N, C-alpha and C. Protein backbone atom coordinates (compact mmCIF):
# COMPACT_ATOMS: atom_id res chain seq x y z
N TRP A 1 178.29 127.99 74.25
CA TRP A 1 177.52 128.48 75.48
C TRP A 1 175.97 128.69 74.99
N THR A 2 175.01 128.37 75.79
CA THR A 2 173.50 128.98 75.45
C THR A 2 172.70 128.90 76.58
N THR A 3 171.94 129.92 76.47
CA THR A 3 170.64 129.94 77.63
C THR A 3 169.60 130.54 77.13
N THR A 4 168.62 130.82 77.70
CA THR A 4 167.51 131.50 77.48
C THR A 4 166.87 132.66 78.11
N PHE A 5 166.53 133.30 77.42
CA PHE A 5 165.82 134.76 78.15
C PHE A 5 164.57 135.13 77.61
N ASN A 6 163.82 135.91 78.46
CA ASN A 6 162.52 136.53 77.91
C ASN A 6 162.79 137.95 77.47
N SER A 7 162.00 138.17 76.35
CA SER A 7 162.14 139.64 75.92
C SER A 7 160.52 140.22 75.92
N ASN A 8 160.74 141.67 76.35
CA ASN A 8 159.56 142.55 76.19
C ASN A 8 158.85 142.62 74.79
N GLY A 9 159.88 142.40 73.83
CA GLY A 9 159.44 142.67 72.56
C GLY A 9 160.12 144.38 72.45
N GLY A 10 160.65 144.21 71.17
CA GLY A 10 161.39 145.46 70.82
C GLY A 10 162.83 145.57 70.64
N GLU A 11 163.34 146.76 70.61
CA GLU A 11 164.85 146.95 70.53
C GLU A 11 165.66 146.40 71.82
N LEU A 12 166.87 145.54 71.50
CA LEU A 12 167.76 145.43 72.44
C LEU A 12 169.00 145.34 72.09
N ILE A 13 169.95 145.48 72.85
CA ILE A 13 171.20 145.21 72.91
C ILE A 13 171.91 144.14 73.56
N VAL A 14 172.85 143.45 72.99
CA VAL A 14 173.60 142.13 73.45
C VAL A 14 175.08 142.53 73.41
N ASN A 15 175.63 142.11 74.78
CA ASN A 15 177.19 142.24 74.74
C ASN A 15 177.59 140.71 75.34
N MET A 16 178.33 140.38 74.55
CA MET A 16 178.66 139.02 75.12
C MET A 16 180.36 138.88 75.33
N MET A 17 180.82 138.78 76.47
CA MET A 17 182.27 138.68 76.76
C MET A 17 182.38 137.33 77.42
N PHE A 18 183.41 136.86 76.72
CA PHE A 18 183.92 135.79 77.29
C PHE A 18 185.68 135.17 76.94
N SER A 19 185.93 134.21 77.51
CA SER A 19 187.46 133.61 77.25
C SER A 19 187.60 132.53 76.64
N ALA A 20 188.46 131.96 76.06
CA ALA A 20 188.94 130.68 75.25
C ALA A 20 190.18 130.51 75.16
N TYR A 21 190.50 129.54 74.44
CA TYR A 21 192.01 128.99 74.17
C TYR A 21 191.65 128.49 72.79
N SER A 22 192.94 128.49 72.12
CA SER A 22 192.99 127.75 70.79
C SER A 22 194.15 126.84 70.79
N SER A 23 194.24 125.62 69.86
CA SER A 23 194.95 124.76 69.93
C SER A 23 196.03 125.23 68.53
N GLN A 24 195.81 126.42 67.71
CA GLN A 24 196.73 126.74 66.44
C GLN A 24 196.67 128.08 66.63
N GLN A 25 197.57 128.70 66.43
CA GLN A 25 198.14 130.35 65.91
C GLN A 25 196.59 130.56 64.92
N GLY A 26 196.31 131.60 64.58
CA GLY A 26 195.14 132.40 63.37
C GLY A 26 194.03 132.95 64.12
N VAL A 27 193.35 133.03 62.73
CA VAL A 27 191.91 133.60 62.96
C VAL A 27 190.75 132.62 63.40
N ALA A 28 189.96 133.06 64.43
CA ALA A 28 188.60 131.98 64.72
C ALA A 28 187.58 133.18 64.52
N ILE A 29 186.68 132.58 64.08
CA ILE A 29 185.21 133.28 63.88
C ILE A 29 184.17 132.89 64.73
N PHE A 30 183.82 133.60 65.85
CA PHE A 30 182.66 133.08 66.51
C PHE A 30 181.39 133.70 66.16
N ASP A 31 180.35 133.04 66.28
CA ASP A 31 179.13 133.39 65.96
C ASP A 31 178.31 133.53 67.20
N LEU A 32 177.75 134.68 67.33
CA LEU A 32 176.39 135.13 68.08
C LEU A 32 175.00 134.46 67.86
N MET A 33 174.77 133.28 68.35
CA MET A 33 173.50 132.99 67.53
C MET A 33 172.10 133.13 68.81
N ILE A 34 171.01 133.74 67.97
CA ILE A 34 169.98 134.18 68.37
C ILE A 34 168.74 133.19 67.71
N ASP A 35 167.96 132.49 68.71
CA ASP A 35 167.18 131.62 67.95
C ASP A 35 167.30 130.74 66.67
N ASP A 36 168.66 130.06 66.96
CA ASP A 36 169.59 129.16 66.39
C ASP A 36 169.78 129.54 65.00
N ASN A 37 169.83 130.93 64.67
CA ASN A 37 170.31 131.72 63.53
C ASN A 37 171.61 132.70 63.82
N VAL A 38 172.18 132.80 63.02
CA VAL A 38 173.57 133.66 63.37
C VAL A 38 173.38 135.24 63.12
N ALA A 39 173.28 135.60 64.60
CA ALA A 39 172.70 137.21 64.52
C ALA A 39 173.99 138.15 63.99
N THR A 40 175.32 137.74 64.57
CA THR A 40 176.55 138.36 63.95
C THR A 40 177.85 137.61 64.34
N SER A 41 179.05 137.65 63.75
CA SER A 41 180.08 137.06 64.16
C SER A 41 181.41 137.96 64.34
N LEU A 42 181.84 137.37 65.12
CA LEU A 42 183.49 138.19 65.66
C LEU A 42 184.53 137.64 65.07
N ARG A 43 185.72 138.08 64.51
CA ARG A 43 186.84 137.54 63.94
C ARG A 43 187.81 137.81 65.03
N PHE A 44 188.67 136.79 65.45
CA PHE A 44 189.99 137.09 66.76
C PHE A 44 190.94 136.44 66.11
N TYR A 45 192.06 137.05 66.43
CA TYR A 45 193.31 136.33 66.17
C TYR A 45 194.11 135.63 67.43
N PHE A 46 194.06 134.52 67.42
CA PHE A 46 194.98 133.57 68.36
C PHE A 46 196.40 133.90 68.03
N ASN A 47 197.30 134.59 69.03
CA ASN A 47 199.00 134.65 68.73
C ASN A 47 199.35 133.18 69.75
N ALA A 48 198.82 133.26 70.78
CA ALA A 48 199.40 132.07 71.41
C ALA A 48 198.61 130.93 71.53
N ILE A 49 199.18 129.81 71.61
CA ILE A 49 198.39 128.59 71.59
C ILE A 49 198.34 127.82 72.96
N ASN A 50 197.14 127.46 73.31
CA ASN A 50 196.85 126.86 74.50
C ASN A 50 196.77 127.86 75.89
N THR A 51 196.63 129.05 75.25
CA THR A 51 196.68 130.11 76.35
C THR A 51 195.35 130.81 76.54
N HIS A 52 194.59 130.55 77.80
CA HIS A 52 193.10 131.40 78.14
C HIS A 52 193.39 132.73 77.80
N LEU A 53 192.63 133.19 76.85
CA LEU A 53 192.63 134.83 76.61
C LEU A 53 191.24 135.26 76.82
N PRO A 54 190.59 136.63 76.98
CA PRO A 54 189.85 137.13 76.96
C PRO A 54 189.47 137.64 75.44
N VAL A 55 188.35 137.46 74.72
CA VAL A 55 188.33 137.66 73.58
C VAL A 55 187.46 138.94 73.59
N THR A 56 187.37 139.66 72.33
CA THR A 56 186.85 141.10 72.34
C THR A 56 185.57 140.94 72.42
N THR A 57 184.50 141.76 72.97
CA THR A 57 183.39 141.63 73.43
C THR A 57 182.59 141.73 72.14
N ILE A 58 181.59 141.11 71.92
CA ILE A 58 180.43 141.26 70.76
C ILE A 58 179.34 141.83 71.08
N ALA A 59 179.03 142.91 70.27
CA ALA A 59 178.23 143.72 70.73
C ALA A 59 177.04 143.75 69.58
N TYR A 60 175.90 143.63 69.92
CA TYR A 60 174.97 143.56 68.96
C TYR A 60 173.53 143.95 69.29
N LYS A 61 173.00 144.82 68.40
CA LYS A 61 171.77 145.69 68.42
C LYS A 61 170.73 145.27 67.66
N THR A 62 169.38 144.66 68.22
CA THR A 62 168.36 144.13 67.37
C THR A 62 167.49 144.33 67.84
N ILE A 63 166.15 144.18 66.98
CA ILE A 63 164.48 144.11 67.53
C ILE A 63 164.07 142.46 67.55
N LEU A 64 163.51 142.25 68.39
CA LEU A 64 162.88 140.90 68.75
C LEU A 64 161.73 141.03 69.46
N PRO A 65 160.55 140.01 68.78
CA PRO A 65 159.22 139.97 69.40
C PRO A 65 159.22 139.70 71.16
N ALA A 66 158.27 139.94 71.69
CA ALA A 66 158.19 139.36 72.90
C ALA A 66 158.06 138.01 72.99
N GLY A 67 158.53 137.51 73.98
CA GLY A 67 158.40 135.95 74.19
C GLY A 67 159.93 135.34 74.94
N PRO A 68 159.81 133.96 74.75
CA PRO A 68 161.31 133.47 75.31
C PRO A 68 162.29 133.25 73.96
N HIS A 69 163.29 133.49 73.99
CA HIS A 69 164.46 133.34 73.04
C HIS A 69 165.44 132.72 73.54
N LYS A 70 166.32 131.89 72.66
CA LYS A 70 167.53 131.16 72.82
C LYS A 70 168.79 132.14 72.38
N ILE A 71 169.78 132.20 73.14
CA ILE A 71 171.14 132.94 72.90
C ILE A 71 172.47 131.82 73.04
N GLY A 72 173.12 132.30 72.25
CA GLY A 72 174.43 131.44 72.48
C GLY A 72 175.63 131.71 71.57
N LEU A 73 176.81 131.22 72.01
CA LEU A 73 178.11 131.20 71.38
C LEU A 73 178.30 129.85 70.55
N ARG A 74 178.25 130.24 69.32
CA ARG A 74 179.13 128.97 68.35
C ARG A 74 180.64 129.13 68.34
N ILE A 75 181.19 128.17 69.04
CA ILE A 75 182.74 128.18 68.95
C ILE A 75 183.28 127.56 67.89
N PRO A 76 184.31 127.94 67.09
CA PRO A 76 184.93 127.34 66.06
C PRO A 76 185.59 126.35 66.31
N VAL A 77 185.94 125.32 65.22
CA VAL A 77 186.83 124.49 65.45
C VAL A 77 188.32 124.53 65.94
N ASN A 78 189.03 124.05 66.60
CA ASN A 78 190.63 124.32 67.30
C ASN A 78 190.31 125.41 68.46
N VAL A 79 188.95 125.94 68.82
CA VAL A 79 188.85 126.48 69.97
C VAL A 79 188.06 125.99 71.05
N PHE A 80 188.63 126.35 72.17
CA PHE A 80 188.04 125.33 73.41
C PHE A 80 187.92 126.38 74.38
N VAL A 81 187.01 125.90 75.35
CA VAL A 81 186.80 126.56 76.56
C VAL A 81 186.54 125.30 77.68
N ASP A 82 186.89 125.68 78.78
CA ASP A 82 186.78 124.56 79.97
C ASP A 82 186.44 125.48 81.22
N ALA A 83 186.80 124.66 82.22
CA ALA A 83 186.46 125.51 83.75
C ALA A 83 186.90 126.42 84.22
N ASN A 84 188.18 126.93 83.13
CA ASN A 84 189.07 128.02 83.62
C ASN A 84 188.72 129.08 82.70
N ASP A 85 187.35 129.26 82.03
CA ASP A 85 187.03 129.80 81.05
C ASP A 85 185.46 130.85 81.55
N ALA A 86 185.38 131.58 81.58
CA ALA A 86 184.27 132.24 81.85
C ALA A 86 183.53 133.09 80.48
N ALA A 87 182.09 133.39 80.79
CA ALA A 87 181.46 134.12 79.96
C ALA A 87 180.01 134.70 80.42
N THR A 88 179.96 136.01 79.97
CA THR A 88 178.81 136.83 80.42
C THR A 88 178.04 137.28 79.24
N ILE A 89 176.89 137.09 79.19
CA ILE A 89 175.87 137.89 78.38
C ILE A 89 175.01 139.03 79.05
N GLN A 90 175.02 140.03 78.40
CA GLN A 90 174.70 141.33 79.06
C GLN A 90 173.34 141.57 77.86
N ILE A 91 172.11 141.54 78.30
CA ILE A 91 170.87 142.02 77.41
C ILE A 91 170.20 143.20 78.00
N ILE A 92 170.39 144.15 77.17
CA ILE A 92 169.79 145.39 77.63
C ILE A 92 168.74 145.84 76.76
N GLN A 93 167.35 145.57 77.16
CA GLN A 93 166.27 145.88 76.41
C GLN A 93 165.63 147.60 76.86
N LYS A 94 165.35 147.82 75.62
CA LYS A 94 164.78 149.26 75.40
C LYS A 94 163.18 149.22 76.14
N THR A 95 162.85 150.14 77.08
CA THR A 95 161.74 149.85 77.67
C THR A 95 160.48 150.44 76.68
N PRO A 96 159.49 149.80 76.16
CA PRO A 96 158.39 149.82 75.66
C PRO A 96 157.42 151.01 75.49
């Protein structure tokens, strides 16, 4: 999942909530991407196979320059999303 947003510049907090499913048990590492760079990663353990699950929220605090930015989630191998899954990205900007 990827989208764009405009920053006023300065400090912001990103919260990403989503669901996914895996074809195998084990740890999956999800990457929060900002402007095509890994901002932070989340390790999540899938116990159930092929079961849609809410994944732990990714929370990240950063400072970005003013202007347009791209934000997204890099989904690991053997993890999938489809029409039964959802994602929400919340961006909280500190007013300069």
